[in-house]
Amino acid sequence: MPDPSQYKTPLFDAMVSLAESRKISFHTPGHKSGKGIATRFVKYVGPNIFSIDLTTLDEVDSLQKPTGVIKEAQELAAKAYGADRSFFLLNGTTVGNHAMIMTVCNPGDGILAARNCHKSVIAGAILAGARTQFIYPAMDAALMMSMNVTFDSVRRGIETHPEIKILFITSPNYYGICADLERIIPFARERGLLVLVDEAHGPHLGFHPELPKSALSCGADMVVQSTHKIIGGMTQASMMHAREGRVDVMTLAGVLKVLQTTSPSYILMASLDLARMQMATEGEKLLSKALELARWARAEINGIRGIGCLEKKDVLTRGMGDLDETKLAINVSGLGMTGYQVSQALNMEHDIQVEMADPFHVLVIVSIGDRKEDVSRLVDALREIARGRRAAKKFDWEQVRPPTGIPQGRSEADGLKPVNRPPRDAFFAMHELVPLEECAGRLSSEIVTVYPPGIPMLVPGEVITEDVVSYLSRVSAMGGTVDGLAEDGRIGVVK
């Protein structure tokens, strides 16, 4: 039986009440409840949305210093997620990653981070002036993908760098693969480390017993989640959850005041209030349906010749913690096509858009918003694509194998790679632009990613290797988006 208090939506209710009072507005926003909005916009979305596009007012509280309905809404979120304090975020999980690092890092402090982190983690280290050391997830040739970090790789990292007191883990990763947080977090905390978790892809994990355990339930000190990715938040709306004691939540609140806008979107905050209510009161029912659809689709896809879908047993036998089954990582290499090509075929020929593609996969998210007919169309489309490619030669992993990032002369078993210069120093250093094919051996001054998922292939301060240059060139030629290069394809390097 849900907690009766979780049916409350204090912020949303206050916004609706204020809109219905029809008070005369001489404050921002300038469209004045939609009266000044372009007619085409109003005709398409309807008038009500503009009546709740509000600014900081007594009736609807202030995000910068919440004392009323926003405070109550954040307290309800903390209760629902099992945190001591929760905060609404309006620049996605990106600002949450920045804030977590800036809250606990002084300039010069070290962070031990999983290398499958989002580029916002590196940006957070730049903002904080932190040093970075990386733990590398395993590359799996059979599955043709990067997994997540293992307990053993994290243990080695902590033992190799006893001076570092902050561990940063990304779990689940983009493919839904979870690190073994039930072992990793207690081990790290016993050794005095603060554990920060980017759980962008896990805002639903605490609301169904058949999903992986949430990072908070495993003992993480701070967690950030993209409420908009899997559940009912609107795009850009996320939450941060913290435990008091080891984390100074007053400092965290102060950092968020610095990083977040003073003109927050009340529409986005209302979506957070309602998404929390929805998960806390009917999340298990809604997620059961999503899991049922995802499991049906996975079984059907695994019956298509030349295509395979990642399964839970695939990750458990490789030392991972779990798999979020709502993510469908679909390997299409057996069709002789790249993931980019299959993504384009699904979009242009079948009106289906996937979350992302890589050289070997397309990734599909099955959420609480999907219906059986939607998932059936996906399966039918994949069958049709596969029928036309049965004679194709299987696409080879070694053709576009992602570089491990381990310098020559080091064992991959070490799982560690030193950054040659602190990211902040390299980012702000004098730099020049050079062609990608000429930059090997130089220090990167940029964060360079293949996007999505936005995992850095290059971090400011790292030596650019021939492997990375080759990989970026091949992925770009295949149709992948390389973010961090200049418009003419050159890359920033330290002078």
Protein backbone atom coordinates (compact mmCIF):
# COMPACT_ATOMS: atom_id res chain seq x y z
CA MET A 1 0.00 0.00 0.00
CA PRO A 2 1.57 3.33 -1.03
CA ASP A 3 2.33 5.94 1.59
CA PRO A 4 -0.74 8.24 1.51
CA SER A 5 1.49 11.32 1.57
CA GLN A 6 2.96 10.30 -1.80
CA TYR A 7 -0.31 11.08 -3.56
CA LYS A 8 0.34 14.76 -2.83
CA THR A 9 1.69 17.04 -5.58
CA PRO A 10 2.18 20.28 -3.66
CA LEU A 11 4.04 22.25 -6.32
CA PHE A 12 1.77 21.29 -9.19
CA ASP A 13 -1.35 21.98 -7.13
CA ALA A 14 -0.07 25.43 -6.17
CA MET A 15 0.72 26.24 -9.80
CA VAL A 16 -2.75 25.24 -10.97
CA SER A 17 -4.39 27.16 -8.13
CA LEU A 18 -2.44 30.31 -9.01
CA ALA A 19 -3.26 29.96 -12.72
CA GLU A 20 -6.96 29.53 -12.00
CA SER A 21 -7.01 32.61 -9.75
CA ARG A 22 -6.45 34.71 -12.91
CA LYS A 23 -4.42 37.35 -11.10
CA ILE A 24 -3.15 40.20 -13.25
CA SER A 25 0.54 39.65 -14.04
CA PHE A 26 3.04 42.49 -14.18
CA HIS A 27 5.98 40.09 -13.79
CA THR A 28 7.94 37.76 -16.05
CA PRO A 29 7.53 35.81 -18.25
CA GLY A 30 6.59 38.45 -20.75
CA HIS A 31 3.99 36.40 -22.60
CA LYS A 32 1.64 36.96 -19.59
CA SER A 33 -0.01 33.53 -19.33
CA GLY A 34 0.09 33.01 -23.09
CA LYS A 35 -1.52 36.26 -24.20
CA GLY A 36 1.71 37.29 -25.90
CA ILE A 37 2.63 33.91 -27.37
CA ALA A 38 2.60 33.40 -31.15
CA THR A 39 -0.81 32.11 -32.24
CA ARG A 40 0.63 29.06 -34.03
CA PHE A 41 2.30 27.95 -30.80
CA VAL A 42 -0.89 28.30 -28.76
CA LYS A 43 -2.96 26.48 -31.39
CA TYR A 44 -0.61 23.51 -31.34
CA VAL A 45 0.00 23.03 -27.60
CA GLY A 46 -3.12 24.62 -26.14
CA PRO A 47 -3.40 27.56 -23.74
CA ASN A 48 -3.10 25.86 -20.33
CA ILE A 49 0.63 25.21 -20.50
CA PHE A 50 1.34 28.94 -20.65
CA SER A 51 -0.81 29.68 -17.60
CA ILE A 52 1.56 27.59 -15.46
CA ASP A 53 4.76 28.97 -17.03
CA LEU A 54 5.53 30.97 -13.89
CA THR A 55 8.31 32.78 -12.13
CA THR A 56 9.31 32.84 -8.47
CA LEU A 57 6.22 34.01 -6.59
CA ASP A 58 5.00 33.63 -3.02
CA GLU A 59 2.39 31.07 -4.02
CA VAL A 60 4.80 28.77 -5.85
CA ASP A 61 8.04 29.18 -3.83
CA SER A 62 11.65 29.68 -4.96
CA LEU A 63 14.04 26.97 -6.14
CA GLN A 64 17.03 29.01 -4.98
CA LYS A 65 15.71 29.09 -1.40
CA PRO A 66 12.70 26.80 -1.05
CA THR A 67 10.55 27.29 2.03
CA GLY A 68 7.09 26.33 0.75
CA VAL A 69 5.69 24.01 -1.90
CA ILE A 70 9.02 23.31 -3.62
CA LYS A 71 10.53 22.39 -0.27
CA GLU A 72 7.59 20.07 0.41
CA ALA A 73 7.86 18.51 -3.06
CA GLN A 74 11.59 17.84 -2.59
CA GLU A 75 10.92 16.32 0.84
CA LEU A 76 8.36 13.97 -0.69
CA ALA A 77 10.94 12.99 -3.32
CA ALA A 78 13.53 12.25 -0.62
CA LYS A 79 11.01 10.05 1.18
CA ALA A 80 10.07 8.19 -2.00
CA TYR A 81 13.68 7.54 -3.03
CA GLY A 82 15.09 6.83 0.43
CA ALA A 83 17.35 9.89 0.61
CA ASP A 84 17.96 12.35 3.43
CA ARG A 85 17.73 15.29 1.01
CA SER A 86 16.57 15.53 -2.58
CA PHE A 87 16.95 18.44 -4.99
CA PHE A 88 15.22 19.28 -8.25
CA LEU A 89 17.62 19.80 -11.17
CA LEU A 90 16.74 21.81 -14.27
CA ASN A 91 19.81 21.27 -16.42
CA GLY A 92 19.52 17.52 -16.42
CA THR A 93 21.91 15.14 -14.72
CA THR A 94 24.73 17.22 -16.19
CA VAL A 95 24.35 19.90 -13.52
CA GLY A 96 23.98 17.19 -10.89
CA ASN A 97 27.33 15.67 -11.82
CA HIS A 98 28.92 19.12 -11.69
CA ALA A 99 27.38 19.78 -8.27
CA MET A 100 28.34 16.44 -6.73
CA ILE A 101 31.99 16.93 -7.64
CA MET A 102 32.13 20.59 -6.63
CA THR A 103 30.51 19.78 -3.27
CA VAL A 104 33.14 17.26 -2.17
CA CYS A 105 36.26 18.28 -4.12
CA ASN A 106 38.69 21.01 -3.26
CA PRO A 107 41.13 22.16 -5.95
CA GLY A 108 43.80 19.49 -6.36
CA ASP A 109 41.74 16.67 -4.83
CA GLY A 110 41.64 13.41 -6.71
CA ILE A 111 38.67 11.52 -8.11
CA LEU A 112 38.78 7.84 -9.01
CA ALA A 113 36.20 7.58 -11.78
CA ALA A 114 34.92 4.84 -14.03
CA ARG A 115 36.01 5.71 -17.55
CA ASN A 116 32.50 5.12 -18.88
CA CYS A 117 31.48 8.35 -17.17
CA HIS A 118 29.56 11.02 -19.00
CA LYS A 119 31.48 14.05 -20.24
CA SER A 120 29.75 16.14 -17.54
CA VAL A 121 31.87 14.32 -14.94
CA ILE A 122 35.02 15.58 -16.64
CA ALA A 123 33.45 19.04 -16.86
CA GLY A 124 32.78 18.83 -13.11
CA ALA A 125 36.44 18.00 -12.49
CA ILE A 126 37.42 21.02 -14.61
CA LEU A 127 35.10 23.29 -12.62
CA ALA A 128 36.37 21.95 -9.30
CA GLY A 129 40.03 21.84 -10.29
CA ALA A 130 40.11 18.13 -9.41
CA ARG A 131 42.61 15.55 -10.61
CA THR A 132 41.26 12.37 -12.24
CA GLN A 133 42.32 8.76 -12.29
CA PHE A 134 40.30 6.23 -14.25
CA ILE A 135 39.07 2.68 -13.82
CA TYR A 136 38.37 1.07 -17.17
CA PRO A 137 35.34 -1.10 -17.91
CA ALA A 138 36.06 -4.34 -19.69
CA MET A 139 35.73 -4.50 -23.48
CA ASP A 140 33.88 -7.67 -24.48
CA ALA A 141 34.66 -8.98 -27.96
CA ALA A 142 31.84 -11.56 -27.93
CA LEU A 143 29.20 -8.96 -27.08
CA MET A 144 30.99 -6.24 -29.06
CA MET A 145 30.53 -3.63 -26.36
CA SER A 146 32.01 -1.97 -23.35
CA MET A 147 30.64 -3.47 -20.14
CA ASN A 148 30.85 -1.72 -16.76
CA VAL A 149 33.58 -1.68 -14.14
CA THR A 150 33.96 -4.81 -12.02
CA PHE A 151 34.43 -5.10 -8.29
CA ASP A 152 38.01 -6.27 -8.86
CA SER A 153 38.90 -3.31 -11.09
CA VAL A 154 37.49 -0.88 -8.51
CA ARG A 155 39.35 -2.64 -5.70
CA ARG A 156 42.63 -2.39 -7.62
CA GLY A 157 42.02 1.28 -8.31
CA ILE A 158 41.38 2.06 -4.65
CA GLU A 159 44.41 0.09 -3.52
CA THR A 160 46.64 1.73 -6.16
CA HIS A 161 45.49 5.23 -5.20
CA PRO A 162 45.05 5.25 -1.41
CA GLU A 163 45.29 9.05 -1.40
CA ILE A 164 42.02 9.43 -3.33
CA LYS A 165 38.89 9.73 -1.22
CA ILE A 166 36.19 10.08 -3.90
CA LEU A 167 34.89 7.24 -6.06
CA PHE A 168 32.64 8.08 -9.01
CA ILE A 169 30.66 5.26 -10.64
CA THR A 170 28.24 5.31 -13.58
CA SER A 171 25.54 2.68 -13.17
CA PRO A 172 23.54 1.63 -15.13
CA ASN A 173 25.54 2.45 -18.23
CA TYR A 174 23.82 3.40 -21.47
CA TYR A 175 23.17 -0.27 -22.30
CA GLY A 176 21.53 -0.90 -18.92
CA ILE A 177 24.53 -2.79 -17.53
CA CYS A 178 24.91 -2.21 -13.79
CA ALA A 179 28.13 -2.33 -11.81
CA ASP A 180 28.11 -4.59 -8.76
CA LEU A 181 27.25 -1.75 -6.38
CA GLU A 182 26.26 -4.14 -3.59
CA ARG A 183 29.94 -5.09 -3.29
CA ILE A 184 31.64 -1.95 -4.60
CA ILE A 185 29.97 0.67 -2.40
CA PRO A 186 30.48 -1.06 1.00
CA PHE A 187 34.11 -1.80 0.07
CA ALA A 188 34.76 1.83 -0.86
CA ARG A 189 33.00 3.24 2.19
CA GLU A 190 34.91 0.93 4.53
CA ARG A 191 38.10 2.49 3.15
CA GLY A 192 36.84 5.99 3.79
CA LEU A 193 35.81 6.94 0.25
CA LEU A 194 32.78 9.01 -0.59
CA VAL A 195 30.80 7.25 -3.31
CA LEU A 196 29.08 9.32 -5.98
CA VAL A 197 26.89 7.59 -8.57
CA ASP A 198 25.66 8.89 -11.90
CA GLU A 199 22.39 6.94 -12.07
CA ALA A 200 21.02 8.96 -14.97
CA HIS A 201 19.49 5.85 -16.48
CA GLY A 202 18.05 4.55 -13.21
CA PRO A 203 15.31 6.86 -11.86
CA HIS A 204 12.95 3.86 -11.90
CA LEU A 205 15.16 1.34 -10.13
CA GLY A 206 13.75 1.72 -6.63
CA PHE A 207 10.17 1.05 -7.67
CA HIS A 208 10.08 -2.57 -8.86
CA PRO A 209 11.53 -5.68 -7.19
CA GLU A 210 12.61 -7.24 -10.51
CA LEU A 211 14.77 -4.28 -11.49
CA PRO A 212 18.38 -3.81 -10.31
CA LYS A 213 18.86 -2.31 -6.86
CA SER A 214 19.21 1.45 -6.74
CA ALA A 215 22.51 3.08 -5.81
CA LEU A 216 20.94 4.70 -2.73
CA SER A 217 19.76 1.33 -1.44
CA CYS A 218 23.34 0.07 -1.86
CA GLY A 219 24.73 2.91 0.30
CA ALA A 220 25.84 5.61 -2.14
CA ASP A 221 26.47 9.04 -0.60
CA MET A 222 25.15 11.08 -3.52
CA VAL A 223 23.18 10.01 -6.57
CA VAL A 224 21.89 11.92 -9.57
CA GLN A 225 19.11 10.62 -11.82
CA SER A 226 17.55 11.71 -15.11
CA THR A 227 13.86 11.63 -14.27
CA HIS A 228 13.15 12.45 -17.91
CA LYS A 229 14.94 9.42 -19.36
CA ILE A 230 12.79 6.49 -18.25
CA ILE A 231 9.88 7.84 -16.21
CA GLY A 232 7.55 10.83 -16.40
CA GLY A 233 9.78 13.89 -16.10
CA MET A 234 10.04 16.30 -18.99
CA THR A 235 13.28 16.65 -20.92
CA GLN A 236 15.98 18.37 -18.84
CA ALA A 237 14.29 17.51 -15.52
CA SER A 238 16.41 15.45 -13.10
CA MET A 239 16.86 14.88 -9.37
CA MET A 240 19.75 14.65 -6.95
CA HIS A 241 19.61 12.58 -3.78
CA ALA A 242 22.05 12.81 -0.87
CA ARG A 243 22.79 11.19 2.47
CA GLU A 244 23.60 13.51 5.34
CA GLY A 245 26.64 13.03 7.54
CA ARG A 246 29.45 12.24 5.14
CA VAL A 247 28.07 14.86 2.72
CA ASP A 248 27.57 18.47 3.81
CA VAL A 249 24.11 19.08 2.33
CA MET A 250 24.32 22.78 3.13
CA THR A 251 27.39 23.01 0.89
CA LEU A 252 25.57 20.99 -1.76
CA ALA A 253 22.60 23.35 -1.63
CA GLY A 254 24.96 26.31 -1.95
CA VAL A 255 26.72 24.79 -4.95
CA LEU A 256 23.39 24.22 -6.67
CA LYS A 257 22.51 27.89 -6.11
CA VAL A 258 25.67 28.81 -7.99
CA LEU A 259 25.13 26.33 -10.84
CA GLN A 260 21.37 26.44 -11.40
CA THR A 261 19.39 29.19 -13.05
CA THR A 262 17.64 31.87 -11.02
CA SER A 263 14.78 31.66 -13.54
CA PRO A 264 13.81 27.99 -13.27
CA SER A 265 11.10 26.39 -15.38
CA TYR A 266 8.13 25.67 -13.15
CA ILE A 267 6.74 23.39 -15.84
CA LEU A 268 9.81 21.16 -15.55
CA MET A 269 9.63 21.22 -11.75
CA ALA A 270 5.94 20.30 -11.87
CA SER A 271 6.84 17.29 -14.03
CA LEU A 272 9.28 16.19 -11.32
CA ASP A 273 6.60 16.53 -8.65
CA LEU A 274 4.15 14.47 -10.70
CA ALA A 275 6.72 11.86 -11.83
CA ARG A 276 7.63 11.20 -8.20
CA MET A 277 3.96 10.83 -7.27
CA GLN A 278 3.39 8.45 -10.19
CA MET A 279 6.32 6.19 -9.31
CA ALA A 280 5.61 6.19 -5.57
CA THR A 281 1.93 5.33 -5.97
CA GLU A 282 1.75 3.12 -9.08
CA GLY A 283 5.34 2.59 -10.17
CA GLU A 284 5.36 -1.17 -9.69
CA LYS A 285 2.25 -1.62 -11.86
CA LEU A 286 3.55 0.65 -14.62
CA LEU A 287 7.03 -0.88 -14.59
CA SER A 288 5.62 -4.42 -14.63
CA LYS A 289 4.00 -3.57 -17.94
CA ALA A 290 7.22 -2.09 -19.30
CA LEU A 291 9.20 -5.16 -18.23
CA GLU A 292 6.63 -7.47 -19.81
CA LEU A 293 6.88 -5.62 -23.11
CA ALA A 294 10.69 -5.54 -23.00
CA ARG A 295 10.93 -9.25 -22.23
CA TRP A 296 8.55 -10.11 -25.05
CA ALA A 297 10.52 -7.95 -27.48
CA ARG A 298 13.84 -9.42 -26.34
CA ALA A 299 12.63 -12.96 -26.96
CA GLU A 300 11.24 -12.06 -30.40
CA ILE A 301 14.39 -10.18 -31.44
CA ASN A 302 16.62 -13.05 -30.36
CA GLY A 303 14.67 -15.22 -32.79
CA ILE A 304 15.62 -13.05 -35.78
CA ARG A 305 18.52 -14.39 -37.81
CA GLY A 306 21.56 -12.10 -37.74
CA ILE A 307 20.32 -10.07 -34.75
CA GLY A 308 20.73 -10.59 -31.02
CA CYS A 309 19.60 -8.74 -27.93
CA LEU A 310 21.66 -8.48 -24.73
CA GLU A 311 20.28 -10.68 -21.93
CA LYS A 312 20.72 -10.66 -18.17
CA LYS A 313 22.74 -13.89 -18.21
CA ASP A 314 25.23 -12.24 -20.58
CA VAL A 315 26.18 -9.63 -17.99
CA LEU A 316 25.92 -11.72 -14.82
CA THR A 317 28.45 -14.24 -16.17
CA ARG A 318 30.89 -11.37 -16.82
CA GLY A 319 31.09 -10.01 -13.27
CA MET A 320 28.48 -7.30 -13.66
CA GLY A 321 25.90 -6.51 -11.00
CA ASP A 322 22.72 -6.74 -13.05
CA LEU A 323 20.94 -5.68 -16.25
CA ASP A 324 18.06 -3.25 -16.51
CA GLU A 325 15.83 -5.26 -18.82
CA THR A 326 13.94 -2.19 -20.04
CA LYS A 327 17.01 -1.41 -22.17
CA LEU A 328 17.26 -3.41 -25.41
CA ALA A 329 20.83 -3.41 -26.72
CA ILE A 330 20.34 -4.99 -30.15
CA ASN A 331 23.43 -6.34 -31.91
CA VAL A 332 22.98 -6.04 -35.68
CA SER A 333 26.52 -6.96 -36.76
CA GLY A 334 25.31 -10.29 -38.14
CA LEU A 335 23.41 -8.39 -40.83
CA GLY A 336 26.61 -6.93 -42.22
CA MET A 337 25.28 -3.49 -41.30
CA THR A 338 26.41 -0.97 -38.76
CA GLY A 339 24.16 0.18 -35.97
CA TYR A 340 24.10 3.59 -37.65
CA GLN A 341 22.75 2.05 -40.86
CA VAL A 342 20.06 0.07 -39.05
CA SER A 343 19.08 3.15 -37.06
CA GLN A 344 18.70 5.11 -40.30
CA ALA A 345 16.68 2.31 -41.93
CA LEU A 346 14.33 2.13 -38.95
CA ASN A 347 13.86 5.88 -39.05
CA MET A 348 13.54 6.52 -42.78
CA GLU A 349 11.78 3.32 -43.85
CA HIS A 350 9.71 2.38 -40.78
CA ASP A 351 9.18 5.67 -38.89
CA ILE A 352 10.89 4.27 -35.79
CA GLN A 353 13.47 6.27 -33.86
CA VAL A 354 15.87 4.54 -31.48
CA GLU A 355 17.71 6.01 -28.51
CA MET A 356 21.16 5.62 -30.01
CA ALA A 357 23.37 3.60 -32.30
CA ASP A 358 27.00 2.49 -32.24
CA PRO A 359 28.98 0.56 -34.85
CA PHE A 360 27.44 -2.75 -33.73
CA HIS A 361 24.15 -1.97 -31.97
CA VAL A 362 20.98 0.01 -31.85
CA LEU A 363 19.66 0.79 -28.39
CA VAL A 364 15.96 0.88 -27.58
CA ILE A 365 14.39 2.07 -24.32
CA VAL A 366 11.08 0.48 -23.33
CA SER A 367 9.44 2.75 -20.78
CA ILE A 368 6.15 3.28 -19.01
CA GLY A 369 4.98 5.24 -22.05
CA ASP A 370 5.25 2.36 -24.55
CA ARG A 371 2.39 0.23 -25.85
CA LYS A 372 2.34 -3.30 -27.30
CA GLU A 373 1.65 -2.03 -30.81
CA ASP A 374 4.74 0.20 -30.65
CA VAL A 375 7.01 -2.65 -29.63
CA SER A 376 5.43 -4.98 -32.20
CA ARG A 377 6.22 -2.46 -34.96
CA LEU A 378 9.86 -2.43 -33.86
CA VAL A 379 10.11 -6.23 -33.97
CA ASP A 380 8.39 -6.41 -37.37
CA ALA A 381 10.68 -3.71 -38.76
CA LEU A 382 13.80 -5.54 -37.58
CA ARG A 383 12.51 -8.74 -39.19
CA GLU A 384 11.99 -6.92 -42.48
CA ILE A 385 15.46 -5.37 -42.39
CA ALA A 386 17.00 -8.77 -41.57
CA ARG A 387 15.17 -10.54 -44.45
CA GLY A 388 16.96 -8.34 -46.96
CA ARG A 389 20.40 -8.99 -45.43
CA ARG A 390 20.55 -12.76 -44.93
CA ALA A 391 23.47 -13.26 -47.29
CA ALA A 392 25.48 -10.46 -45.75
CA LYS A 393 28.86 -11.02 -44.19
CA LYS A 394 28.96 -10.48 -40.44
CA PHE A 395 30.38 -7.12 -39.45
CA ASP A 396 33.70 -7.67 -37.69
CA TRP A 397 34.34 -6.41 -34.13
CA GLU A 398 38.01 -5.86 -34.94
CA GLN A 399 37.06 -3.41 -37.70
CA VAL A 400 35.85 -0.84 -35.17
CA ARG A 401 36.98 -2.17 -31.83
CA PRO A 402 36.91 0.74 -29.33
CA PRO A 403 40.37 1.47 -27.94
CA THR A 404 40.94 0.34 -24.38
CA GLY A 405 42.79 3.53 -23.51
CA ILE A 406 45.60 1.52 -21.88
CA PRO A 407 48.99 2.86 -22.97
CA GLN A 408 51.46 0.43 -24.49
CA GLY A 409 53.68 -1.18 -21.88
CA ARG A 410 50.88 -1.41 -19.29
CA SER A 411 48.77 -4.45 -18.63
CA GLU A 412 45.07 -4.13 -19.35
CA ALA A 413 44.61 -5.98 -16.06
CA ASP A 414 45.87 -2.86 -14.28
CA GLY A 415 42.68 -1.15 -15.33
CA LEU A 416 44.32 2.22 -14.74
CA LYS A 417 45.74 5.00 -16.86
CA PRO A 418 47.30 8.17 -15.49
CA VAL A 419 46.13 11.49 -16.83
CA ASN A 420 49.24 13.37 -17.88
CA ARG A 421 47.93 16.76 -16.77
CA PRO A 422 44.96 17.79 -14.59
CA PRO A 423 41.89 18.36 -16.80
CA ARG A 424 41.44 21.98 -15.67
CA ASP A 425 45.06 22.87 -16.46
CA ALA A 426 44.85 21.37 -19.95
CA PHE A 427 41.41 22.84 -20.66
CA PHE A 428 42.55 26.39 -19.88
CA ALA A 429 46.06 26.02 -21.30
CA MET A 430 47.19 27.75 -24.47
CA HIS A 431 46.09 25.49 -27.29
CA GLU A 432 45.99 25.16 -31.04
CA LEU A 433 43.81 23.33 -33.52
CA VAL A 434 45.41 20.55 -35.54
CA PRO A 435 43.94 18.00 -37.99
CA LEU A 436 42.77 14.83 -36.27
CA GLU A 437 45.17 12.68 -38.27
CA GLU A 438 48.13 14.76 -37.04
CA CYS A 439 47.34 14.95 -33.32
CA ALA A 440 48.69 11.59 -32.04
CA GLY A 441 51.20 12.13 -29.26
CA ARG A 442 49.84 15.55 -28.32
CA LEU A 443 47.91 16.44 -25.13
CA SER A 444 44.21 16.98 -25.71
CA SER A 445 42.75 20.27 -24.50
CA GLU A 446 39.19 19.15 -25.27
CA ILE A 447 36.56 16.67 -24.14
CA VAL A 448 35.93 14.57 -27.25
CA THR A 449 33.05 12.11 -27.31
CA VAL A 450 31.05 9.98 -29.68
CA TYR A 451 27.55 11.26 -28.96
CA PRO A 452 25.36 9.69 -27.81
CA PRO A 453 26.24 8.37 -25.25
CA GLY A 454 28.67 11.19 -24.50
CA ILE A 455 31.39 9.05 -22.92
CA PRO A 456 34.74 10.81 -23.40
CA MET A 457 37.14 9.24 -25.84
CA LEU A 458 39.54 12.04 -24.93
CA VAL A 459 39.86 13.98 -21.68
CA PRO A 460 41.79 17.26 -21.38
CA GLY A 461 45.31 16.41 -20.26
CA GLU A 462 45.48 12.96 -21.86
CA VAL A 463 47.93 11.95 -24.57
CA ILE A 464 46.10 11.32 -27.83
CA THR A 465 46.97 7.83 -29.08
CA GLU A 466 46.95 6.46 -32.63
CA ASP A 467 44.20 4.03 -31.55
CA VAL A 468 41.90 6.87 -30.54
CA VAL A 469 42.60 8.81 -33.74
CA SER A 470 41.82 5.73 -35.82
CA TYR A 471 38.63 4.96 -33.88
CA LEU A 472 37.27 8.51 -34.12
CA SER A 473 38.02 8.62 -37.84
CA ARG A 474 36.27 5.30 -38.51
CA VAL A 475 33.22 6.08 -36.41
CA SER A 476 32.87 9.46 -38.08
CA ALA A 477 33.10 7.84 -41.51
CA MET A 478 30.35 5.39 -40.52
CA GLY A 479 27.96 8.17 -39.61
CA GLY A 480 28.61 8.53 -35.89
CA THR A 481 28.62 12.00 -34.35
CA VAL A 482 31.96 13.05 -32.86
CA ASP A 483 31.48 15.93 -30.44
CA GLY A 484 34.40 18.10 -29.37
CA LEU A 485 36.03 18.67 -32.73
CA ALA A 486 36.05 22.02 -34.48
CA GLU A 487 33.70 22.53 -37.43
CA ASP A 488 36.48 21.70 -39.85
CA GLY A 489 37.29 18.46 -38.00
CA ARG A 490 40.41 19.72 -36.23
CA ILE A 491 41.02 19.04 -32.55
CA GLY A 492 42.32 21.27 -29.77
CA VAL A 493 45.72 20.28 -28.34
CA VAL A 494 47.87 21.90 -25.69
CA LYS A 495 50.68 24.02 -27.13
